[in-house]
Amino acid sequence: MELLTGEYRNTLDEKGRILFPTRLRNELTGNVLILTQALDRCLWLFTPEEWKNLSGKIMESASPFNAQARLVLRRLIAPAQEVEFDKAGRLSIPQSLREYANLSKDCIVLGVNRYIELWDSAEYKTYLEETEASFNEATKELSSICF
């Protein structure tokens, strides 16, 4: 799998399906993705291999006897669902995940290297506006990186 990067604008149809960007789909080795709730009211999409790696690490470090760990398990692991591309290259987003991310018609698909984010367009615009100052501060932390 190559790097999954790029920002794409697509629409969610009335049946909850989104045409997945061809460029991203071509980088995937299979026909299946794992979707789950993410931070910041978006959805995370992983290849089965990446999901197995991440969820395994979470499960290894999360005791069901710890309240914080249970919260993470219930919010990230439990809602995860496997979805398959249809012949037209669309993903059917489960209703519960659409509701969590407030997905309406206009959506943003973001390739973030090893995973993908799916946002409602208005939610993403609000997120960018609300985090602009924090982003500028966060980039200062990366000042030691040279290229």
C-alpha atoms as a PDB file:
ATOM      1  CA  MET A   1       0.000   0.000   0.000  1.00  0.00           C
ATOM      2  CA  GLU A   2       1.291   3.406  -0.964  1.00  0.00           C
ATOM      3  CA  LEU A   3       0.638   6.538   1.025  1.00  0.00           C
ATOM      4  CA  LEU A   4      -3.031   7.422   1.322  1.00  0.00           C
ATOM      5  CA  THR A   5      -3.030  11.198   0.968  1.00  0.00           C
ATOM      6  CA  GLY A   6      -5.168  13.923  -0.507  1.00  0.00           C
ATOM      7  CA  GLU A   7      -8.361  15.851   0.166  1.00  0.00           C
ATOM      8  CA  TYR A   8     -11.426  14.927  -1.857  1.00  0.00           C
ATOM      9  CA  ARG A   9     -14.965  16.289  -1.939  1.00  0.00           C
ATOM     10  CA  ASN A  10     -17.705  13.759  -2.607  1.00  0.00           C
ATOM     11  CA  THR A  11     -21.393  13.455  -1.928  1.00  0.00           C
ATOM     12  CA  LEU A  12     -23.298  10.973   0.172  1.00  0.00           C
ATOM     13  CA  ASP A  13     -26.339   9.667  -1.681  1.00  0.00           C
ATOM     14  CA  GLU A  14     -29.800   9.127  -0.190  1.00  0.00           C
ATOM     15  CA  LYS A  15     -28.901   5.491   0.609  1.00  0.00           C
ATOM     16  CA  GLY A  16     -25.845   6.488   2.656  1.00  0.00           C
ATOM     17  CA  ARG A  17     -23.300   5.556  -0.010  1.00  0.00           C
ATOM     18  CA  ILE A  18     -20.277   7.601  -0.983  1.00  0.00           C
ATOM     19  CA  LEU A  19     -18.250   7.244  -4.148  1.00  0.00           C
ATOM     20  CA  PHE A  20     -14.752   6.648  -2.889  1.00  0.00           C
ATOM     21  CA  PRO A  21     -11.949   8.614  -4.576  1.00  0.00           C
ATOM     22  CA  THR A  22     -10.392   6.486  -7.325  1.00  0.00           C
ATOM     23  CA  ARG A  23      -6.872   7.553  -6.433  1.00  0.00           C
ATOM     24  CA  LEU A  24      -7.272   6.302  -2.863  1.00  0.00           C
ATOM     25  CA  ARG A  25      -9.111   3.157  -3.919  1.00  0.00           C
ATOM     26  CA  ASN A  26      -6.291   2.300  -6.338  1.00  0.00           C
ATOM     27  CA  GLU A  27      -3.786   2.401  -3.456  1.00  0.00           C
ATOM     28  CA  LEU A  28      -5.721  -0.200  -1.454  1.00  0.00           C
ATOM     29  CA  THR A  29      -4.876  -3.863  -1.809  1.00  0.00           C
ATOM     30  CA  GLY A  30      -8.337  -5.182  -1.035  1.00  0.00           C
ATOM     31  CA  ASN A  31     -12.012  -4.405  -1.411  1.00  0.00           C
ATOM     32  CA  VAL A  32     -12.774  -3.936   2.297  1.00  0.00           C
ATOM     33  CA  LEU A  33     -12.263  -1.143   4.817  1.00  0.00           C
ATOM     34  CA  ILE A  34     -12.947  -0.945   8.539  1.00  0.00           C
ATOM     35  CA  LEU A  35     -14.892   2.167   9.619  1.00  0.00           C
ATOM     36  CA  THR A  36     -15.136   3.432  13.166  1.00  0.00           C
ATOM     37  CA  GLN A  37     -15.891   6.527  15.157  1.00  0.00           C
ATOM     38  CA  ALA A  38     -12.921   8.837  15.460  1.00  0.00           C
ATOM     39  CA  LEU A  39     -11.971  11.883  17.422  1.00  0.00           C
ATOM     40  CA  ASP A  40     -13.322  15.279  16.384  1.00  0.00           C
ATOM     41  CA  ARG A  41     -16.673  13.911  15.051  1.00  0.00           C
ATOM     42  CA  CYS A  42     -15.343  12.264  11.923  1.00  0.00           C
ATOM     43  CA  LEU A  43     -14.950   8.635  10.889  1.00  0.00           C
ATOM     44  CA  TRP A  44     -11.699   6.721  10.545  1.00  0.00           C
ATOM     45  CA  LEU A  45     -11.288   4.197   7.747  1.00  0.00           C
ATOM     46  CA  PHE A  46      -8.568   1.564   7.881  1.00  0.00           C
ATOM     47  CA  THR A  47      -7.438  -1.330   5.765  1.00  0.00           C
ATOM     48  CA  PRO A  48      -8.037  -4.589   7.646  1.00  0.00           C
ATOM     49  CA  GLU A  49      -4.282  -4.899   8.233  1.00  0.00           C
ATOM     50  CA  GLU A  50      -3.932  -1.396   9.707  1.00  0.00           C
ATOM     51  CA  TRP A  51      -7.054  -1.918  11.827  1.00  0.00           C
ATOM     52  CA  LYS A  52      -5.750  -5.224  13.168  1.00  0.00           C
ATOM     53  CA  ASN A  53      -2.472  -3.524  14.092  1.00  0.00           C
ATOM     54  CA  LEU A  54      -4.096  -0.507  15.786  1.00  0.00           C
ATOM     55  CA  SER A  55      -6.909  -2.359  17.532  1.00  0.00           C
ATOM     56  CA  GLY A  56      -4.454  -4.981  18.749  1.00  0.00           C
ATOM     57  CA  LYS A  57      -2.267  -2.317  20.333  1.00  0.00           C
ATOM     58  CA  ILE A  58      -5.298  -0.687  21.955  1.00  0.00           C
ATOM     59  CA  MET A  59      -6.576  -4.019  23.293  1.00  0.00           C
ATOM     60  CA  GLU A  60      -3.142  -4.928  24.700  1.00  0.00           C
ATOM     61  CA  SER A  61      -2.940  -1.695  26.665  1.00  0.00           C
ATOM     62  CA  ALA A  62      -6.596  -1.342  27.705  1.00  0.00           C
ATOM     63  CA  SER A  63      -7.840  -3.179  30.757  1.00  0.00           C
ATOM     64  CA  PRO A  64     -11.624  -3.587  30.988  1.00  0.00           C
ATOM     65  CA  PHE A  65     -11.183  -2.877  34.709  1.00  0.00           C
ATOM     66  CA  ASN A  66     -10.041   0.688  33.978  1.00  0.00           C
ATOM     67  CA  ALA A  67     -12.790   3.264  33.363  1.00  0.00           C
ATOM     68  CA  GLN A  68     -10.719   5.334  30.881  1.00  0.00           C
ATOM     69  CA  ALA A  69      -9.785   2.215  28.926  1.00  0.00           C
ATOM     70  CA  ARG A  70     -13.419   1.089  28.755  1.00  0.00           C
ATOM     71  CA  LEU A  71     -14.344   4.491  27.375  1.00  0.00           C
ATOM     72  CA  VAL A  72     -11.796   4.144  24.574  1.00  0.00           C
ATOM     73  CA  LEU A  73     -12.873   0.563  23.834  1.00  0.00           C
ATOM     74  CA  ARG A  74     -16.528   1.577  23.644  1.00  0.00           C
ATOM     75  CA  ARG A  75     -15.904   4.619  21.481  1.00  0.00           C
ATOM     76  CA  LEU A  76     -13.265   3.281  19.063  1.00  0.00           C
ATOM     77  CA  ILE A  77     -13.311  -0.516  19.012  1.00  0.00           C
ATOM     78  CA  ALA A  78     -16.976  -1.398  19.589  1.00  0.00           C
ATOM     79  CA  PRO A  79     -18.496   0.732  16.780  1.00  0.00           C
ATOM     80  CA  ALA A  80     -16.037  -0.546  14.135  1.00  0.00           C
ATOM     81  CA  GLN A  81     -17.689  -2.125  11.112  1.00  0.00           C
ATOM     82  CA  GLU A  82     -16.372  -3.781   7.993  1.00  0.00           C
ATOM     83  CA  VAL A  83     -17.615  -2.336   4.713  1.00  0.00           C
ATOM     84  CA  GLU A  84     -16.976  -3.466   1.171  1.00  0.00           C
ATOM     85  CA  PHE A  85     -16.766  -1.453  -2.023  1.00  0.00           C
ATOM     86  CA  ASP A  86     -19.608  -2.102  -4.448  1.00  0.00           C
ATOM     87  CA  LYS A  87     -18.991  -2.524  -8.188  1.00  0.00           C
ATOM     88  CA  ALA A  88     -19.300   1.232  -8.701  1.00  0.00           C
ATOM     89  CA  GLY A  89     -16.582   1.972  -6.110  1.00  0.00           C
ATOM     90  CA  ARG A  90     -18.991   3.188  -3.431  1.00  0.00           C
ATOM     91  CA  LEU A  91     -18.935   2.509   0.293  1.00  0.00           C
ATOM     92  CA  SER A  92     -22.185   2.172   2.192  1.00  0.00           C
ATOM     93  CA  ILE A  93     -21.731   4.025   5.477  1.00  0.00           C
ATOM     94  CA  PRO A  94     -23.729   2.416   8.316  1.00  0.00           C
ATOM     95  CA  GLN A  95     -26.471   4.632   9.752  1.00  0.00           C
ATOM     96  CA  SER A  96     -25.008   4.696  13.276  1.00  0.00           C
ATOM     97  CA  LEU A  97     -21.671   5.966  11.961  1.00  0.00           C
ATOM     98  CA  ARG A  98     -23.350   8.514   9.677  1.00  0.00           C
ATOM     99  CA  GLU A  99     -25.218   9.861  12.692  1.00  0.00           C
ATOM    100  CA  TYR A 100     -22.078  10.005  14.857  1.00  0.00           C
ATOM    101  CA  ALA A 101     -20.205  12.069  12.255  1.00  0.00           C
ATOM    102  CA  ASN A 102     -23.264  14.155  11.290  1.00  0.00           C
ATOM    103  CA  LEU A 103     -22.731  13.156   7.662  1.00  0.00           C
ATOM    104  CA  SER A 104     -25.065  14.922   5.300  1.00  0.00           C
ATOM    105  CA  LYS A 105     -24.801  15.248   1.527  1.00  0.00           C
ATOM    106  CA  ASP A 106     -21.457  17.042   1.154  1.00  0.00           C
ATOM    107  CA  CYS A 107     -18.478  15.150   2.554  1.00  0.00           C
ATOM    108  CA  ILE A 108     -14.703  15.452   2.720  1.00  0.00           C
ATOM    109  CA  VAL A 109     -12.444  12.409   2.377  1.00  0.00           C
ATOM    110  CA  LEU A 110      -8.930  12.934   3.736  1.00  0.00           C
ATOM    111  CA  GLY A 111      -6.045  10.574   3.142  1.00  0.00           C
ATOM    112  CA  VAL A 112      -3.849  10.718   6.259  1.00  0.00           C
ATOM    113  CA  ASN A 113      -1.043   8.382   5.185  1.00  0.00           C
ATOM    114  CA  ARG A 114      -2.026   5.062   6.833  1.00  0.00           C
ATOM    115  CA  TYR A 115      -5.703   5.762   7.372  1.00  0.00           C
ATOM    116  CA  ILE A 116      -8.519   7.854   5.922  1.00  0.00           C
ATOM    117  CA  GLU A 117     -10.910  10.314   7.539  1.00  0.00           C
ATOM    118  CA  LEU A 118     -14.478  10.950   6.429  1.00  0.00           C
ATOM    119  CA  TRP A 119     -16.019  14.267   7.453  1.00  0.00           C
ATOM    120  CA  ASP A 120     -19.226  16.131   6.882  1.00  0.00           C
ATOM    121  CA  SER A 121     -18.110  19.154   4.858  1.00  0.00           C
ATOM    122  CA  ALA A 122     -19.646  21.739   7.218  1.00  0.00           C
ATOM    123  CA  GLU A 123     -18.219  19.950  10.287  1.00  0.00           C
ATOM    124  CA  TYR A 124     -14.755  19.924   8.717  1.00  0.00           C
ATOM    125  CA  LYS A 125     -14.934  23.623   7.861  1.00  0.00           C
ATOM    126  CA  THR A 126     -15.922  24.403  11.462  1.00  0.00           C
ATOM    127  CA  TYR A 127     -13.121  22.186  12.768  1.00  0.00           C
ATOM    128  CA  LEU A 128     -10.530  23.995  10.628  1.00  0.00           C
ATOM    129  CA  GLU A 129     -11.755  27.407  11.765  1.00  0.00           C
ATOM    130  CA  GLU A 130     -11.834  26.434  15.440  1.00  0.00           C
ATOM    131  CA  THR A 131      -8.368  24.877  15.403  1.00  0.00           C
ATOM    132  CA  GLU A 132      -6.443  27.437  13.355  1.00  0.00           C
ATOM    133  CA  ALA A 133      -4.638  28.949  16.356  1.00  0.00           C
ATOM    134  CA  SER A 134      -3.878  25.514  17.798  1.00  0.00           C
ATOM    135  CA  PHE A 135      -2.511  24.392  14.436  1.00  0.00           C
ATOM    136  CA  ASN A 136      -0.117  27.320  14.308  1.00  0.00           C
ATOM    137  CA  GLU A 137       1.104  26.469  17.810  1.00  0.00           C
ATOM    138  CA  ALA A 138       1.422  22.768  16.968  1.00  0.00           C
ATOM    139  CA  THR A 139       3.615  23.508  13.954  1.00  0.00           C
ATOM    140  CA  LYS A 140       6.085  25.318  16.214  1.00  0.00           C
ATOM    141  CA  GLU A 141       6.617  21.998  17.997  1.00  0.00           C
ATOM    142  CA  LEU A 142       7.883  20.594  14.704  1.00  0.00           C
ATOM    143  CA  SER A 143      10.586  23.220  14.257  1.00  0.00           C
ATOM    144  CA  SER A 144      13.368  20.632  14.562  1.00  0.00           C
ATOM    145  CA  ILE A 145      12.229  18.920  11.349  1.00  0.00           C
ATOM    146  CA  CYS A 146      14.274  19.893   8.328  1.00  0.00           C
ATOM    147  CA  PHE A 147      13.761  18.890   4.719  1.00  0.00           C
END
